[in-house]
């Protein structure tokens, strides 16, 4: 059976596989210091996307999704028994098929009230941000990049069917930047927009291609929730909300 490994266990496995110590690995990855590696070794941090990318760029036999999720094997040629109903996409999202044909997808989970801590971790070679995980039930296997969110605002609650109360959990599928210029179609449950300063759950009601801005709107008609514009140059990622649970 496929057992999930911690980042500390994965690092130990990686060092053994490459016949390196922490100092040598730091040098090979061209990191500024070994602090980020030692934090993983001591169980104080996990592998983040940036350092995982550096590892697979330097060692092309290493499994990228394994570094992030701990599910699978360190290298592609290792043999293991994986349950027939478990599938992991290239973004590390784990899908478990259920008897009724639906899937449980396990994703990393970002609470809106922890977003500033998440932002502070981004400049580091190995983010210190400790990800939570959660599971959503979906209809089918997906190849995209999925992320879970927890919102603490009533701005998207106008009392209608697909509106979102405070405290809801959201499953988002990333819309790649190369698709942004095509515009943003209406989404039943809105969009989650990650910027360099804040995270928003809003409807995208207008895209100005010339100015490269989007207009973000709320569903709650309270006067405190006014429309505003965001420059796409200030946006890090955009996720379409495809599932929400209360």
C-alpha atoms as a PDB file:
ATOM      1  CA  UNK A   1       0.000   0.000   0.000  1.00  0.00           C
ATOM      2  CA  UNK A   2       1.192   3.535  -0.808  1.00  0.00           C
ATOM      3  CA  UNK A   3       2.321   5.232   2.428  1.00  0.00           C
ATOM      4  CA  UNK A   4       2.638   8.989   2.619  1.00  0.00           C
ATOM      5  CA  UNK A   5       6.117  10.184   3.652  1.00  0.00           C
ATOM      6  CA  UNK A   6       6.975  13.337   5.574  1.00  0.00           C
ATOM      7  CA  UNK A   7       9.338  15.918   4.080  1.00  0.00           C
ATOM      8  CA  UNK A   8      11.953  14.912   6.643  1.00  0.00           C
ATOM      9  CA  UNK A   9      11.765  11.288   5.481  1.00  0.00           C
ATOM     10  CA  UNK A  10      11.882  12.362   1.836  1.00  0.00           C
ATOM     11  CA  UNK A  11      14.978  14.485   2.458  1.00  0.00           C
ATOM     12  CA  UNK A  12      16.731  11.587   4.180  1.00  0.00           C
ATOM     13  CA  UNK A  13      15.874   9.403   1.192  1.00  0.00           C
ATOM     14  CA  UNK A  14      17.093  12.075  -1.246  1.00  0.00           C
ATOM     15  CA  UNK A  15      20.429  12.527   0.541  1.00  0.00           C
ATOM     16  CA  UNK A  16      20.975   8.773   0.528  1.00  0.00           C
ATOM     17  CA  UNK A  17      20.020   8.475  -3.139  1.00  0.00           C
ATOM     18  CA  UNK A  18      22.381  11.276  -4.205  1.00  0.00           C
ATOM     19  CA  UNK A  19      25.118  10.282  -1.728  1.00  0.00           C
ATOM     20  CA  UNK A  20      25.227  13.830  -0.350  1.00  0.00           C
ATOM     21  CA  UNK A  21      25.028  15.652   2.951  1.00  0.00           C
ATOM     22  CA  UNK A  22      23.110  18.866   3.583  1.00  0.00           C
ATOM     23  CA  UNK A  23      26.053  21.117   2.727  1.00  0.00           C
ATOM     24  CA  UNK A  24      26.729  19.358  -0.568  1.00  0.00           C
ATOM     25  CA  UNK A  25      23.050  19.422  -1.551  1.00  0.00           C
ATOM     26  CA  UNK A  26      22.876  23.143  -0.728  1.00  0.00           C
ATOM     27  CA  UNK A  27      25.828  23.747  -3.037  1.00  0.00           C
ATOM     28  CA  UNK A  28      24.409  21.589  -5.842  1.00  0.00           C
ATOM     29  CA  UNK A  29      21.076  23.447  -5.720  1.00  0.00           C
ATOM     30  CA  UNK A  30      22.874  26.820  -5.593  1.00  0.00           C
ATOM     31  CA  UNK A  31      20.981  27.900  -2.490  1.00  0.00           C
ATOM     32  CA  UNK A  32      22.173  30.957  -0.587  1.00  0.00           C
ATOM     33  CA  UNK A  33      22.354  29.019   2.666  1.00  0.00           C
ATOM     34  CA  UNK A  34      21.587  25.590   4.067  1.00  0.00           C
ATOM     35  CA  UNK A  35      18.966  26.940   6.490  1.00  0.00           C
ATOM     36  CA  UNK A  36      15.996  25.841   4.394  1.00  0.00           C
ATOM     37  CA  UNK A  37      17.366  22.300   4.051  1.00  0.00           C
ATOM     38  CA  UNK A  38      18.090  22.020   7.763  1.00  0.00           C
ATOM     39  CA  UNK A  39      14.550  23.212   8.566  1.00  0.00           C
ATOM     40  CA  UNK A  40      13.206  20.333   6.477  1.00  0.00           C
ATOM     41  CA  UNK A  41      15.643  17.904   8.104  1.00  0.00           C
ATOM     42  CA  UNK A  42      14.533  19.014  11.587  1.00  0.00           C
ATOM     43  CA  UNK A  43      10.832  18.748  10.736  1.00  0.00           C
ATOM     44  CA  UNK A  44      10.275  22.523  10.922  1.00  0.00           C
ATOM     45  CA  UNK A  45       9.356  22.948   7.260  1.00  0.00           C
ATOM     46  CA  UNK A  46       8.220  21.066   4.181  1.00  0.00           C
ATOM     47  CA  UNK A  47       9.380  20.955   0.598  1.00  0.00           C
ATOM     48  CA  UNK A  48       7.977  23.897  -1.350  1.00  0.00           C
ATOM     49  CA  UNK A  49       7.553  24.303  -5.083  1.00  0.00           C
ATOM     50  CA  UNK A  50      10.690  26.408  -5.597  1.00  0.00           C
ATOM     51  CA  UNK A  51      13.105  24.029  -3.959  1.00  0.00           C
ATOM     52  CA  UNK A  52      11.365  21.014  -5.532  1.00  0.00           C
ATOM     53  CA  UNK A  53      11.862  22.607  -8.946  1.00  0.00           C
ATOM     54  CA  UNK A  54      15.563  23.111  -8.202  1.00  0.00           C
ATOM     55  CA  UNK A  55      15.913  19.473  -7.169  1.00  0.00           C
ATOM     56  CA  UNK A  56      14.299  17.987 -10.272  1.00  0.00           C
ATOM     57  CA  UNK A  57      16.262  20.394 -12.488  1.00  0.00           C
ATOM     58  CA  UNK A  58      19.513  19.143 -10.948  1.00  0.00           C
ATOM     59  CA  UNK A  59      18.508  15.471 -10.597  1.00  0.00           C
ATOM     60  CA  UNK A  60      16.268  14.547 -13.517  1.00  0.00           C
ATOM     61  CA  UNK A  61      15.292  11.134 -12.112  1.00  0.00           C
ATOM     62  CA  UNK A  62      13.565  12.639  -9.054  1.00  0.00           C
ATOM     63  CA  UNK A  63       9.767  12.598  -8.849  1.00  0.00           C
ATOM     64  CA  UNK A  64       8.528  16.204  -8.437  1.00  0.00           C
ATOM     65  CA  UNK A  65       5.075  15.323  -7.090  1.00  0.00           C
ATOM     66  CA  UNK A  66       6.623  12.957  -4.509  1.00  0.00           C
ATOM     67  CA  UNK A  67       8.686  15.816  -3.051  1.00  0.00           C
ATOM     68  CA  UNK A  68       5.531  17.884  -2.528  1.00  0.00           C
ATOM     69  CA  UNK A  69       3.035  15.202  -1.519  1.00  0.00           C
ATOM     70  CA  UNK A  70       5.046  12.319  -0.068  1.00  0.00           C
ATOM     71  CA  UNK A  71       2.920   9.943  -2.139  1.00  0.00           C
ATOM     72  CA  UNK A  72       4.632   7.651  -4.631  1.00  0.00           C
ATOM     73  CA  UNK A  73       8.361   7.036  -4.979  1.00  0.00           C
ATOM     74  CA  UNK A  74      11.462   9.213  -5.050  1.00  0.00           C
ATOM     75  CA  UNK A  75      12.427   8.180  -8.572  1.00  0.00           C
ATOM     76  CA  UNK A  76      10.360   7.222 -11.562  1.00  0.00           C
ATOM     77  CA  UNK A  77      12.000   3.802 -11.958  1.00  0.00           C
ATOM     78  CA  UNK A  78      11.315   2.593  -8.422  1.00  0.00           C
ATOM     79  CA  UNK A  79       8.821  -0.238  -8.154  1.00  0.00           C
ATOM     80  CA  UNK A  80       5.855   0.034  -5.804  1.00  0.00           C
ATOM     81  CA  UNK A  81       2.359  -1.250  -5.409  1.00  0.00           C
ATOM     82  CA  UNK A  82      -0.143   1.528  -5.941  1.00  0.00           C
ATOM     83  CA  UNK A  83      -3.833   0.861  -5.369  1.00  0.00           C
ATOM     84  CA  UNK A  84      -5.698   0.603  -8.661  1.00  0.00           C
ATOM     85  CA  UNK A  85      -8.127   3.306  -7.563  1.00  0.00           C
ATOM     86  CA  UNK A  86      -5.477   5.947  -6.720  1.00  0.00           C
ATOM     87  CA  UNK A  87      -4.271   8.415  -9.367  1.00  0.00           C
ATOM     88  CA  UNK A  88      -1.870  11.344  -8.944  1.00  0.00           C
ATOM     89  CA  UNK A  89      -1.748  14.079 -11.566  1.00  0.00           C
ATOM     90  CA  UNK A  90       1.387  15.959 -12.588  1.00  0.00           C
ATOM     91  CA  UNK A  91       0.620  18.727 -10.069  1.00  0.00           C
ATOM     92  CA  UNK A  92       0.688  16.295  -7.149  1.00  0.00           C
ATOM     93  CA  UNK A  93      -3.082  16.206  -6.601  1.00  0.00           C
ATOM     94  CA  UNK A  94      -4.171  12.763  -5.412  1.00  0.00           C
ATOM     95  CA  UNK A  95      -7.466  11.358  -6.755  1.00  0.00           C
ATOM     96  CA  UNK A  96      -9.008   8.291  -5.126  1.00  0.00           C
ATOM     97  CA  UNK A  97     -11.795   6.682  -7.102  1.00  0.00           C
ATOM     98  CA  UNK A  98     -14.783   5.558  -5.054  1.00  0.00           C
ATOM     99  CA  UNK A  99     -17.225   2.733  -5.695  1.00  0.00           C
ATOM    100  CA  UNK A 100     -19.842   5.094  -7.106  1.00  0.00           C
ATOM    101  CA  UNK A 101     -17.418   6.396  -9.756  1.00  0.00           C
ATOM    102  CA  UNK A 102     -16.752   9.733  -8.054  1.00  0.00           C
ATOM    103  CA  UNK A 103     -13.346  10.757  -6.687  1.00  0.00           C
ATOM    104  CA  UNK A 104     -11.929  12.142  -3.478  1.00  0.00           C
ATOM    105  CA  UNK A 105      -9.235  14.673  -4.412  1.00  0.00           C
ATOM    106  CA  UNK A 106      -6.653  15.550  -1.765  1.00  0.00           C
ATOM    107  CA  UNK A 107      -5.250  19.060  -2.102  1.00  0.00           C
ATOM    108  CA  UNK A 108      -3.178  21.578  -0.204  1.00  0.00           C
ATOM    109  CA  UNK A 109      -5.397  23.954   1.751  1.00  0.00           C
ATOM    110  CA  UNK A 110      -4.863  27.692   2.227  1.00  0.00           C
ATOM    111  CA  UNK A 111      -6.940  29.585   4.756  1.00  0.00           C
ATOM    112  CA  UNK A 112      -7.500  33.232   3.829  1.00  0.00           C
ATOM    113  CA  UNK A 113      -6.494  34.308   7.343  1.00  0.00           C
ATOM    114  CA  UNK A 114      -3.047  32.731   6.820  1.00  0.00           C
ATOM    115  CA  UNK A 115      -2.408  34.340   3.448  1.00  0.00           C
ATOM    116  CA  UNK A 116       0.068  36.937   4.678  1.00  0.00           C
ATOM    117  CA  UNK A 117       2.156  34.181   6.273  1.00  0.00           C
ATOM    118  CA  UNK A 118       2.056  32.382   2.952  1.00  0.00           C
ATOM    119  CA  UNK A 119       3.239  35.515   1.108  1.00  0.00           C
ATOM    120  CA  UNK A 120       6.173  35.940   3.486  1.00  0.00           C
ATOM    121  CA  UNK A 121       7.346  32.430   2.607  1.00  0.00           C
ATOM    122  CA  UNK A 122       7.476  33.016  -1.156  1.00  0.00           C
ATOM    123  CA  UNK A 123      10.873  34.792  -1.427  1.00  0.00           C
ATOM    124  CA  UNK A 124      12.639  31.913   0.342  1.00  0.00           C
ATOM    125  CA  UNK A 125      14.245  29.051  -1.522  1.00  0.00           C
ATOM    126  CA  UNK A 126      12.301  26.612   0.637  1.00  0.00           C
ATOM    127  CA  UNK A 127       9.030  28.111   1.910  1.00  0.00           C
ATOM    128  CA  UNK A 128       8.550  27.781   5.655  1.00  0.00           C
ATOM    129  CA  UNK A 129       4.795  27.843   5.196  1.00  0.00           C
ATOM    130  CA  UNK A 130       3.163  24.755   6.671  1.00  0.00           C
ATOM    131  CA  UNK A 131       0.442  23.579   4.299  1.00  0.00           C
ATOM    132  CA  UNK A 132      -2.719  21.947   5.539  1.00  0.00           C
ATOM    133  CA  UNK A 133      -4.489  19.360   3.419  1.00  0.00           C
ATOM    134  CA  UNK A 134      -8.141  18.639   2.815  1.00  0.00           C
ATOM    135  CA  UNK A 135     -10.294  16.417   0.615  1.00  0.00           C
ATOM    136  CA  UNK A 136     -13.174  17.242  -1.715  1.00  0.00           C
ATOM    137  CA  UNK A 137     -15.494  14.886  -3.579  1.00  0.00           C
ATOM    138  CA  UNK A 138     -15.468  15.515  -7.350  1.00  0.00           C
ATOM    139  CA  UNK A 139     -17.071  13.868 -10.355  1.00  0.00           C
ATOM    140  CA  UNK A 140     -13.947  13.039 -12.341  1.00  0.00           C
ATOM    141  CA  UNK A 141     -10.148  12.901 -12.420  1.00  0.00           C
ATOM    142  CA  UNK A 142      -8.571  16.254 -13.296  1.00  0.00           C
ATOM    143  CA  UNK A 143      -5.222  17.108 -14.883  1.00  0.00           C
ATOM    144  CA  UNK A 144      -5.128  20.712 -13.645  1.00  0.00           C
ATOM    145  CA  UNK A 145      -3.597  22.361 -10.598  1.00  0.00           C
ATOM    146  CA  UNK A 146      -6.049  22.234  -7.706  1.00  0.00           C
ATOM    147  CA  UNK A 147      -5.865  24.091  -4.407  1.00  0.00           C
ATOM    148  CA  UNK A 148      -8.250  24.337  -1.476  1.00  0.00           C
ATOM    149  CA  UNK A 149      -9.174  27.586   0.286  1.00  0.00           C
ATOM    150  CA  UNK A 150     -11.109  28.640   3.385  1.00  0.00           C
ATOM    151  CA  UNK A 151     -12.799  32.022   3.238  1.00  0.00           C
ATOM    152  CA  UNK A 152     -13.881  34.265   6.108  1.00  0.00           C
ATOM    153  CA  UNK A 153     -15.921  36.879   4.259  1.00  0.00           C
ATOM    154  CA  UNK A 154     -19.616  37.352   3.506  1.00  0.00           C
ATOM    155  CA  UNK A 155     -18.893  39.384   0.359  1.00  0.00           C
ATOM    156  CA  UNK A 156     -19.887  36.493  -1.932  1.00  0.00           C
ATOM    157  CA  UNK A 157     -23.084  35.662  -0.064  1.00  0.00           C
ATOM    158  CA  UNK A 158     -26.071  37.274  -1.696  1.00  0.00           C
ATOM    159  CA  UNK A 159     -28.408  34.516  -0.603  1.00  0.00           C
ATOM    160  CA  UNK A 160     -28.576  32.695  -3.944  1.00  0.00           C
ATOM    161  CA  UNK A 161     -27.908  29.054  -4.819  1.00  0.00           C
ATOM    162  CA  UNK A 162     -24.179  29.219  -5.616  1.00  0.00           C
ATOM    163  CA  UNK A 163     -23.284  31.959  -3.143  1.00  0.00           C
ATOM    164  CA  UNK A 164     -20.711  31.452  -0.413  1.00  0.00           C
ATOM    165  CA  UNK A 165     -21.123  31.988   3.339  1.00  0.00           C
ATOM    166  CA  UNK A 166     -18.251  32.892   5.623  1.00  0.00           C
ATOM    167  CA  UNK A 167     -16.248  29.858   6.710  1.00  0.00           C
ATOM    168  CA  UNK A 168     -16.849  27.902   3.509  1.00  0.00           C
ATOM    169  CA  UNK A 169     -14.199  25.639   2.005  1.00  0.00           C
ATOM    170  CA  UNK A 170     -13.492  26.168  -1.686  1.00  0.00           C
ATOM    171  CA  UNK A 171     -11.875  23.902  -4.264  1.00  0.00           C
ATOM    172  CA  UNK A 172     -10.170  25.903  -7.002  1.00  0.00           C
ATOM    173  CA  UNK A 173      -8.737  24.856 -10.364  1.00  0.00           C
ATOM    174  CA  UNK A 174      -6.003  27.185 -11.578  1.00  0.00           C
ATOM    175  CA  UNK A 175      -6.476  29.142 -14.783  1.00  0.00           C
ATOM    176  CA  UNK A 176      -2.991  29.388 -16.285  1.00  0.00           C
ATOM    177  CA  UNK A 177      -1.643  32.841 -17.088  1.00  0.00           C
ATOM    178  CA  UNK A 178      -1.494  31.995 -20.782  1.00  0.00           C
ATOM    179  CA  UNK A 179      -5.320  31.862 -20.737  1.00  0.00           C
ATOM    180  CA  UNK A 180      -5.863  35.239 -19.040  1.00  0.00           C
ATOM    181  CA  UNK A 181      -5.808  37.201 -22.286  1.00  0.00           C
ATOM    182  CA  UNK A 182      -8.788  35.137 -23.477  1.00  0.00           C
ATOM    183  CA  UNK A 183     -10.898  36.770 -20.762  1.00  0.00           C
ATOM    184  CA  UNK A 184     -12.832  35.295 -17.848  1.00  0.00           C
ATOM    185  CA  UNK A 185     -16.177  33.607 -18.303  1.00  0.00           C
ATOM    186  CA  UNK A 186     -18.779  33.779 -15.527  1.00  0.00           C
ATOM    187  CA  UNK A 187     -18.181  31.166 -12.829  1.00  0.00           C
ATOM    188  CA  UNK A 188     -21.070  29.799 -10.768  1.00  0.00           C
ATOM    189  CA  UNK A 189     -19.102  30.068  -7.523  1.00  0.00           C
ATOM    190  CA  UNK A 190     -16.683  32.853  -8.484  1.00  0.00           C
ATOM    191  CA  UNK A 191     -12.900  33.042  -8.622  1.00  0.00           C
ATOM    192  CA  UNK A 192     -10.115  33.067  -6.042  1.00  0.00           C
ATOM    193  CA  UNK A 193      -7.503  35.678  -6.932  1.00  0.00           C
ATOM    194  CA  UNK A 194      -4.063  35.645  -5.314  1.00  0.00           C
ATOM    195  CA  UNK A 195      -2.089  38.893  -5.451  1.00  0.00           C
ATOM    196  CA  UNK A 196       1.170  40.087  -3.965  1.00  0.00           C
ATOM    197  CA  UNK A 197      -0.756  41.742  -1.121  1.00  0.00           C
ATOM    198  CA  UNK A 198      -4.011  39.890  -0.539  1.00  0.00           C
ATOM    199  CA  UNK A 199      -6.319  37.073  -1.591  1.00  0.00           C
ATOM    200  CA  UNK A 200      -9.869  37.646  -2.822  1.00  0.00           C
ATOM    201  CA  UNK A 201     -12.910  35.517  -3.561  1.00  0.00           C
ATOM    202  CA  UNK A 202     -14.879  37.505  -6.143  1.00  0.00           C
ATOM    203  CA  UNK A 203     -16.682  37.453  -9.442  1.00  0.00           C
ATOM    204  CA  UNK A 204     -14.608  38.770 -12.361  1.00  0.00           C
ATOM    205  CA  UNK A 205     -17.155  40.958 -14.125  1.00  0.00           C
ATOM    206  CA  UNK A 206     -14.962  42.777 -16.642  1.00  0.00           C
ATOM    207  CA  UNK A 207     -11.597  42.350 -18.326  1.00  0.00           C
ATOM    208  CA  UNK A 208      -9.922  45.402 -19.878  1.00  0.00           C
ATOM    209  CA  UNK A 209      -7.504  43.952 -22.391  1.00  0.00           C
ATOM    210  CA  UNK A 210      -5.874  47.298 -23.137  1.00  0.00           C
ATOM    211  CA  UNK A 211      -5.215  48.202 -19.489  1.00  0.00           C
ATOM    212  CA  UNK A 212      -4.795  44.538 -18.506  1.00  0.00           C
ATOM    213  CA  UNK A 213      -7.084  44.922 -15.524  1.00  0.00           C
ATOM    214  CA  UNK A 214      -9.949  42.898 -14.124  1.00  0.00           C
ATOM    215  CA  UNK A 215     -12.971  44.225 -12.257  1.00  0.00           C
ATOM    216  CA  UNK A 216     -13.754  42.279  -9.089  1.00  0.00           C
ATOM    217  CA  UNK A 217     -17.331  42.283  -7.811  1.00  0.00           C
ATOM    218  CA  UNK A 218     -19.145  40.932  -4.768  1.00  0.00           C
ATOM    219  CA  UNK A 219     -22.569  39.288  -4.550  1.00  0.00           C
ATOM    220  CA  UNK A 220     -23.488  40.812  -1.201  1.00  0.00           C
ATOM    221  CA  UNK A 221     -25.117  44.172  -1.991  1.00  0.00           C
ATOM    222  CA  UNK A 222     -24.010  45.725   1.307  1.00  0.00           C
ATOM    223  CA  UNK A 223     -22.350  49.116   0.604  1.00  0.00           C
ATOM    224  CA  UNK A 224     -19.091  47.973   2.207  1.00  0.00           C
ATOM    225  CA  UNK A 225     -18.475  45.593  -0.700  1.00  0.00           C
ATOM    226  CA  UNK A 226     -17.661  47.822  -3.644  1.00  0.00           C
ATOM    227  CA  UNK A 227     -16.251  46.815  -7.020  1.00  0.00           C
ATOM    228  CA  UNK A 228     -12.528  47.356  -7.566  1.00  0.00           C
ATOM    229  CA  UNK A 229      -9.926  46.885 -10.269  1.00  0.00           C
ATOM    230  CA  UNK A 230      -6.788  44.761 -10.155  1.00  0.00           C
ATOM    231  CA  UNK A 231      -3.880  44.976 -12.562  1.00  0.00           C
ATOM    232  CA  UNK A 232      -3.035  41.513 -13.814  1.00  0.00           C
ATOM    233  CA  UNK A 233       0.650  42.324 -13.347  1.00  0.00           C
ATOM    234  CA  UNK A 234      -0.089  42.344  -9.603  1.00  0.00           C
ATOM    235  CA  UNK A 235      -1.850  38.963  -9.698  1.00  0.00           C
ATOM    236  CA  UNK A 236       0.059  35.779  -8.868  1.00  0.00           C
ATOM    237  CA  UNK A 237      -2.565  33.122  -9.580  1.00  0.00           C
ATOM    238  CA  UNK A 238      -6.262  32.830 -10.393  1.00  0.00           C
ATOM    239  CA  UNK A 239      -8.393  29.806  -9.486  1.00  0.00           C
ATOM    240  CA  UNK A 240     -11.906  29.041 -10.693  1.00  0.00           C
ATOM    241  CA  UNK A 241     -14.008  27.777  -7.799  1.00  0.00           C
ATOM    242  CA  UNK A 242     -15.439  24.431  -8.879  1.00  0.00           C
ATOM    243  CA  UNK A 243     -16.662  23.119  -5.534  1.00  0.00           C
ATOM    244  CA  UNK A 244     -17.603  24.542  -2.170  1.00  0.00           C
ATOM    245  CA  UNK A 245     -18.574  22.973   1.124  1.00  0.00           C
ATOM    246  CA  UNK A 246     -20.120  24.654   4.156  1.00  0.00           C
END
